Amino acid sequence: MLILDDFIRAAALLLVFEGIMPFANPARWRELIRLVSSQSDRALRMMGLISMLMGALLLYLANKHIF
């Protein structure tokens, strides 16, 4: 049950962070979405891979109590 609780907390934080930009500056957010949607599939995959690797590293460091 603990893993499910952690997953729900992580999903909730993701939604909070995802909502900051459109709430704070909707015009800039719309422009950014347009820019991202014009990128190639390869570029989007690389951004996704880098994001996943950074997240995994951050989780690893947090679990090792380095922060």
PDB file of N, CA and C in Angstrom:
ATOM      1  N   MET A   1       0.820  -1.192   0.000  1.00  0.00           N
ATOM      2  CA  MET A   1       0.000   0.000   0.000  1.00  0.00           C
ATOM      3  C   MET A   1       0.868   1.262   0.000  1.00  0.00           C
ATOM      4  N   LEU A   2       2.072   1.169   0.588  1.00  0.00           N
ATOM      5  CA  LEU A   2       2.971   2.311   0.649  1.00  0.00           C
ATOM      6  C   LEU A   2       3.379   2.766  -0.746  1.00  0.00           C
ATOM      7  N   ILE A   3       3.627   1.832  -1.659  1.00  0.00           N
ATOM      8  CA  ILE A   3       4.029   2.192  -3.018  1.00  0.00           C
ATOM      9  C   ILE A   3       2.908   2.953  -3.713  1.00  0.00           C
ATOM     10  N   LEU A   4       1.671   2.524  -3.519  1.00  0.00           N
ATOM     11  CA  LEU A   4       0.537   3.223  -4.114  1.00  0.00           C
ATOM     12  C   LEU A   4       0.422   4.634  -3.544  1.00  0.00           C
ATOM     13  N   ASP A   5       0.618   4.788  -2.254  1.00  0.00           N
ATOM     14  CA  ASP A   5       0.589   6.118  -1.631  1.00  0.00           C
ATOM     15  C   ASP A   5       1.666   7.021  -2.233  1.00  0.00           C
ATOM     16  N   ASP A   6       2.873   6.492  -2.397  1.00  0.00           N
ATOM     17  CA  ASP A   6       3.961   7.271  -2.984  1.00  0.00           C
ATOM     18  C   ASP A   6       3.639   7.659  -4.422  1.00  0.00           C
ATOM     19  N   PHE A   7       3.050   6.738  -5.164  1.00  0.00           N
ATOM     20  CA  PHE A   7       2.687   7.016  -6.550  1.00  0.00           C
ATOM     21  C   PHE A   7       1.645   8.125  -6.623  1.00  0.00           C
ATOM     22  N   ILE A   8       0.661   8.078  -5.763  1.00  0.00           N
ATOM     23  CA  ILE A   8      -0.379   9.117  -5.747  1.00  0.00           C
ATOM     24  C   ILE A   8       0.219  10.467  -5.378  1.00  0.00           C
ATOM     25  N   ARG A   9       1.118  10.492  -4.412  1.00  0.00           N
ATOM     26  CA  ARG A   9       1.792  11.747  -4.044  1.00  0.00           C
ATOM     27  C   ARG A   9       2.618  12.291  -5.207  1.00  0.00           C
ATOM     28  N   ALA A  10       3.326  11.404  -5.884  1.00  0.00           N
ATOM     29  CA  ALA A  10       4.144  11.824  -7.023  1.00  0.00           C
ATOM     30  C   ALA A  10       3.264  12.362  -8.153  1.00  0.00           C
ATOM     31  N   ALA A  11       2.153  11.701  -8.425  1.00  0.00           N
ATOM     32  CA  ALA A  11       1.231  12.172  -9.462  1.00  0.00           C
ATOM     33  C   ALA A  11       0.639  13.527  -9.081  1.00  0.00           C
ATOM     34  N   ALA A  12       0.314  13.710  -7.816  1.00  0.00           N
ATOM     35  CA  ALA A  12      -0.232  14.987  -7.358  1.00  0.00           C
ATOM     36  C   ALA A  12       0.792  16.105  -7.525  1.00  0.00           C
ATOM     37  N   LEU A  13       2.039  15.850  -7.160  1.00  0.00           N
ATOM     38  CA  LEU A  13       3.084  16.857  -7.339  1.00  0.00           C
ATOM     39  C   LEU A  13       3.298  17.181  -8.816  1.00  0.00           C
ATOM     40  N   LEU A  14       3.244  16.166  -9.661  1.00  0.00           N
ATOM     41  CA  LEU A  14       3.381  16.379 -11.094  1.00  0.00           C
ATOM     42  C   LEU A  14       2.292  17.322 -11.594  1.00  0.00           C
ATOM     43  N   LEU A  15       1.060  17.094 -11.169  1.00  0.00           N
ATOM     44  CA  LEU A  15      -0.033  17.963 -11.586  1.00  0.00           C
ATOM     45  C   LEU A  15       0.153  19.393 -11.087  1.00  0.00           C
ATOM     46  N   VAL A  16       0.639  19.551  -9.872  1.00  0.00           N
ATOM     47  CA  VAL A  16       0.899  20.899  -9.347  1.00  0.00           C
ATOM     48  C   VAL A  16       1.960  21.594 -10.198  1.00  0.00           C
ATOM     49  N   PHE A  17       3.078  20.920 -10.453  1.00  0.00           N
ATOM     50  CA  PHE A  17       4.153  21.527 -11.239  1.00  0.00           C
ATOM     51  C   PHE A  17       3.718  21.803 -12.675  1.00  0.00           C
ATOM     52  N   GLU A  18       2.958  20.888 -13.266  1.00  0.00           N
ATOM     53  CA  GLU A  18       2.477  21.077 -14.631  1.00  0.00           C
ATOM     54  C   GLU A  18       1.515  22.254 -14.728  1.00  0.00           C
ATOM     55  N   GLY A  19       0.823  22.569 -13.658  1.00  0.00           N
ATOM     56  CA  GLY A  19      -0.144  23.656 -13.681  1.00  0.00           C
ATOM     57  C   GLY A  19       0.426  25.030 -13.428  1.00  0.00           C
ATOM     58  N   ILE A  20       1.653  25.113 -12.951  1.00  0.00           N
ATOM     59  CA  ILE A  20       2.237  26.409 -12.608  1.00  0.00           C
ATOM     60  C   ILE A  20       2.370  27.308 -13.839  1.00  0.00           C
ATOM     61  N   MET A  21       2.942  26.798 -14.914  1.00  0.00           N
ATOM     62  CA  MET A  21       3.199  27.631 -16.099  1.00  0.00           C
ATOM     63  C   MET A  21       1.910  28.141 -16.743  1.00  0.00           C
ATOM     64  N   PRO A  22       0.929  27.280 -17.040  1.00  0.00           N
ATOM     65  CA  PRO A  22      -0.283  27.841 -17.651  1.00  0.00           C
ATOM     66  C   PRO A  22      -1.034  28.791 -16.714  1.00  0.00           C
ATOM     67  N   PHE A  23      -0.928  28.609 -15.418  1.00  0.00           N
ATOM     68  CA  PHE A  23      -1.576  29.515 -14.476  1.00  0.00           C
ATOM     69  C   PHE A  23      -0.858  30.858 -14.428  1.00  0.00           C
ATOM     70  N   ALA A  24       0.460  30.815 -14.350  1.00  0.00           N
ATOM     71  CA  ALA A  24       1.243  32.031 -14.173  1.00  0.00           C
ATOM     72  C   ALA A  24       1.360  32.855 -15.456  1.00  0.00           C
ATOM     73  N   ASN A  25       1.506  32.191 -16.603  1.00  0.00           N
ATOM     74  CA  ASN A  25       1.733  32.914 -17.852  1.00  0.00           C
ATOM     75  C   ASN A  25       1.139  32.123 -19.014  1.00  0.00           C
ATOM     76  N   PRO A  26      -0.168  32.168 -19.210  1.00  0.00           N
ATOM     77  CA  PRO A  26      -0.800  31.348 -20.239  1.00  0.00           C
ATOM     78  C   PRO A  26      -0.344  31.649 -21.668  1.00  0.00           C
ATOM     79  N   ALA A  27      -0.055  32.893 -21.973  1.00  0.00           N
ATOM     80  CA  ALA A  27       0.388  33.231 -23.332  1.00  0.00           C
ATOM     81  C   ALA A  27       1.737  32.595 -23.639  1.00  0.00           C
ATOM     82  N   ARG A  28       2.662  32.688 -22.715  1.00  0.00           N
ATOM     83  CA  ARG A  28       3.993  32.074 -22.906  1.00  0.00           C
ATOM     84  C   ARG A  28       3.881  30.556 -22.966  1.00  0.00           C
ATOM     85  N   TRP A  29       3.019  29.981 -22.152  1.00  0.00           N
ATOM     86  CA  TRP A  29       2.817  28.535 -22.143  1.00  0.00           C
ATOM     87  C   TRP A  29       2.291  28.062 -23.494  1.00  0.00           C
ATOM     88  N   ARG A  30       1.325  28.808 -24.059  1.00  0.00           N
ATOM     89  CA  ARG A  30       0.764  28.460 -25.369  1.00  0.00           C
ATOM     90  C   ARG A  30       1.851  28.514 -26.442  1.00  0.00           C
ATOM     91  N   GLU A  31       2.701  29.553 -26.377  1.00  0.00           N
ATOM     92  CA  GLU A  31       3.811  29.686 -27.321  1.00  0.00           C
ATOM     93  C   GLU A  31       4.792  28.518 -27.186  1.00  0.00           C
ATOM     94  N   LEU A  32       5.073  28.124 -25.947  1.00  0.00           N
ATOM     95  CA  LEU A  32       5.977  27.003 -25.697  1.00  0.00           C
ATOM     96  C   LEU A  32       5.402  25.698 -26.238  1.00  0.00           C
ATOM     97  N   ILE A  33       4.106  25.478 -26.057  1.00  0.00           N
ATOM     98  CA  ILE A  33       3.458  24.272 -26.581  1.00  0.00           C
ATOM     99  C   ILE A  33       3.548  24.248 -28.098  1.00  0.00           C
ATOM    100  N   ARG A  34       3.337  25.397 -28.742  1.00  0.00           N
ATOM    101  CA  ARG A  34       3.471  25.474 -30.201  1.00  0.00           C
ATOM    102  C   ARG A  34       4.890  25.119 -30.641  1.00  0.00           C
ATOM    103  N   LEU A  35       5.868  25.624 -29.926  1.00  0.00           N
ATOM    104  CA  LEU A  35       7.268  25.351 -30.253  1.00  0.00           C
ATOM    105  C   LEU A  35       7.584  23.861 -30.091  1.00  0.00           C
ATOM    106  N   VAL A  36       7.155  23.269 -29.002  1.00  0.00           N
ATOM    107  CA  VAL A  36       7.416  21.849 -28.755  1.00  0.00           C
ATOM    108  C   VAL A  36       6.723  20.983 -29.802  1.00  0.00           C
ATOM    109  N   SER A  37       5.500  21.357 -30.182  1.00  0.00           N
ATOM    110  CA  SER A  37       4.759  20.536 -31.144  1.00  0.00           C
ATOM    111  C   SER A  37       5.378  20.575 -32.535  1.00  0.00           C
ATOM    112  N   SER A  38       6.220  21.566 -32.803  1.00  0.00           N
ATOM    113  CA  SER A  38       6.868  21.632 -34.115  1.00  0.00           C
ATOM    114  C   SER A  38       8.185  20.858 -34.163  1.00  0.00           C
ATOM    115  N   GLN A  39       8.611  20.296 -33.047  1.00  0.00           N
ATOM    116  CA  GLN A  39       9.864  19.534 -32.996  1.00  0.00           C
ATOM    117  C   GLN A  39       9.685  18.164 -33.643  1.00  0.00           C
ATOM    118  N   SER A  40      10.777  17.605 -34.115  1.00  0.00           N
ATOM    119  CA  SER A  40      10.738  16.266 -34.722  1.00  0.00           C
ATOM    120  C   SER A  40      10.517  15.206 -33.646  1.00  0.00           C
ATOM    121  N   ASP A  41      10.077  14.031 -34.086  1.00  0.00           N
ATOM    122  CA  ASP A  41       9.886  12.923 -33.153  1.00  0.00           C
ATOM    123  C   ASP A  41      11.190  12.578 -32.443  1.00  0.00           C
ATOM    124  N   ARG A  42      12.292  12.619 -33.168  1.00  0.00           N
ATOM    125  CA  ARG A  42      13.592  12.289 -32.577  1.00  0.00           C
ATOM    126  C   ARG A  42      13.951  13.271 -31.458  1.00  0.00           C
ATOM    127  N   ALA A  43      13.732  14.561 -31.711  1.00  0.00           N
ATOM    128  CA  ALA A  43      14.046  15.576 -30.697  1.00  0.00           C
ATOM    129  C   ALA A  43      13.159  15.393 -29.468  1.00  0.00           C
ATOM    130  N   LEU A  44      11.875  15.102 -29.675  1.00  0.00           N
ATOM    131  CA  LEU A  44      10.969  14.884 -28.548  1.00  0.00           C
ATOM    132  C   LEU A  44      11.375  13.650 -27.743  1.00  0.00           C
ATOM    133  N   ARG A  45      11.785  12.594 -28.454  1.00  0.00           N
ATOM    134  CA  ARG A  45      12.236  11.387 -27.744  1.00  0.00           C
ATOM    135  C   ARG A  45      13.481  11.669 -26.916  1.00  0.00           C
ATOM    136  N   MET A  46      14.406  12.455 -27.468  1.00  0.00           N
ATOM    137  CA  MET A  46      15.620  12.791 -26.721  1.00  0.00           C
ATOM    138  C   MET A  46      15.285  13.625 -25.487  1.00  0.00           C
ATOM    139  N   MET A  47      14.354  14.572 -25.630  1.00  0.00           N
ATOM    140  CA  MET A  47      13.941  15.376 -24.473  1.00  0.00           C
ATOM    141  C   MET A  47      13.297  14.475 -23.418  1.00  0.00           C
ATOM    142  N   GLY A  48      12.476  13.523 -23.864  1.00  0.00           N
ATOM    143  CA  GLY A  48      11.846  12.593 -22.935  1.00  0.00           C
ATOM    144  C   GLY A  48      12.864  11.712 -22.233  1.00  0.00           C
ATOM    145  N   LEU A  49      13.845  11.210 -22.991  1.00  0.00           N
ATOM    146  CA  LEU A  49      14.888  10.363 -22.405  1.00  0.00           C
ATOM    147  C   LEU A  49      15.701  11.136 -21.379  1.00  0.00           C
ATOM    148  N   ILE A  50      16.099  12.341 -21.731  1.00  0.00           N
ATOM    149  CA  ILE A  50      16.883  13.158 -20.798  1.00  0.00           C
ATOM    150  C   ILE A  50      16.074  13.453 -19.540  1.00  0.00           C
ATOM    151  N   SER A  51      14.802  13.757 -19.709  1.00  0.00           N
ATOM    152  CA  SER A  51      13.935  14.028 -18.568  1.00  0.00           C
ATOM    153  C   SER A  51      13.815  12.801 -17.658  1.00  0.00           C
ATOM    154  N   MET A  52      13.616  11.629 -18.263  1.00  0.00           N
ATOM    155  CA  MET A  52      13.515  10.398 -17.463  1.00  0.00           C
ATOM    156  C   MET A  52      14.818  10.096 -16.725  1.00  0.00           C
ATOM    157  N   LEU A  53      15.947  10.271 -17.394  1.00  0.00           N
ATOM    158  CA  LEU A  53      17.238  10.006 -16.754  1.00  0.00           C
ATOM    159  C   LEU A  53      17.499  10.973 -15.606  1.00  0.00           C
ATOM    160  N   MET A  54      17.152  12.240 -15.805  1.00  0.00           N
ATOM    161  CA  MET A  54      17.335  13.219 -14.731  1.00  0.00           C
ATOM    162  C   MET A  54      16.431  12.889 -13.543  1.00  0.00           C
ATOM    163  N   GLY A  55      15.202  12.477 -13.823  1.00  0.00           N
ATOM    164  CA  GLY A  55      14.283  12.096 -12.754  1.00  0.00           C
ATOM    165  C   GLY A  55      14.778  10.879 -11.994  1.00  0.00           C
ATOM    166  N   ALA A  56      15.267   9.878 -12.737  1.00  0.00           N
ATOM    167  CA  ALA A  56      15.785   8.670 -12.090  1.00  0.00           C
ATOM    168  C   ALA A  56      17.005   8.999 -11.232  1.00  0.00           C
ATOM    169  N   LEU A  57      17.883   9.861 -11.735  1.00  0.00           N
ATOM    170  CA  LEU A  57      19.058  10.264 -10.958  1.00  0.00           C
ATOM    171  C   LEU A  57      18.646  11.016  -9.698  1.00  0.00           C
ATOM    172  N   LEU A  58      17.689  11.906  -9.836  1.00  0.00           N
ATOM    173  CA  LEU A  58      17.201  12.655  -8.684  1.00  0.00           C
ATOM    174  C   LEU A  58      16.593  11.725  -7.631  1.00  0.00           C
ATOM    175  N   LEU A  59      15.815  10.753  -8.068  1.00  0.00           N
ATOM    176  CA  LEU A  59      15.251   9.775  -7.129  1.00  0.00           C
ATOM    177  C   LEU A  59      16.347   8.964  -6.444  1.00  0.00           C
ATOM    178  N   TYR A  60      17.350   8.551  -7.212  1.00  0.00           N
ATOM    179  CA  TYR A  60      18.461   7.793  -6.651  1.00  0.00           C
ATOM    180  C   TYR A  60      19.174   8.609  -5.573  1.00  0.00           C
ATOM    181  N   LEU A  61      19.489   9.863  -5.910  1.00  0.00           N
ATOM    182  CA  LEU A  61      20.189  10.716  -4.949  1.00  0.00           C
ATOM    183  C   LEU A  61      19.329  10.987  -3.716  1.00  0.00           C
ATOM    184  N   ALA A  62      18.048  11.186  -3.914  1.00  0.00           N
ATOM    185  CA  ALA A  62      17.146  11.421  -2.765  1.00  0.00           C
ATOM    186  C   ALA A  62      17.067  10.187  -1.869  1.00  0.00           C
ATOM    187  N   ASN A  63      17.050   9.014  -2.470  1.00  0.00           N
ATOM    188  CA  ASN A  63      16.985   7.783  -1.680  1.00  0.00           C
ATOM    189  C   ASN A  63      18.296   7.490  -0.958  1.00  0.00           C
ATOM    190  N   LYS A  64      19.391   8.006  -1.466  1.00  0.00           N
ATOM    191  CA  LYS A  64      20.686   7.853  -0.803  1.00  0.00           C
ATOM    192  C   LYS A  64      20.923   8.949   0.216  1.00  0.00           C
ATOM    193  N   HIS A  65      19.955   9.822   0.405  1.00  0.00           N
ATOM    194  CA  HIS A  65      20.001  10.929   1.354  1.00  0.00           C
ATOM    195  C   HIS A  65      21.160  11.878   1.097  1.00  0.00           C
ATOM    196  N   ILE A  66      21.451  12.111  -0.172  1.00  0.00           N
ATOM    197  CA  ILE A  66      22.519  13.028  -0.535  1.00  0.00           C
ATOM    198  C   ILE A  66      22.027  14.475  -0.435  1.00  0.00           C
ATOM    199  N   PHE A  67      20.732  14.687  -0.583  1.00  0.00           N
ATOM    200  CA  PHE A  67      20.175  16.051  -0.490  1.00  0.00           C
ATOM    201  C   PHE A  67      19.909  16.384   0.945  1.00  0.00           C
TER     202      PHE A  67
END
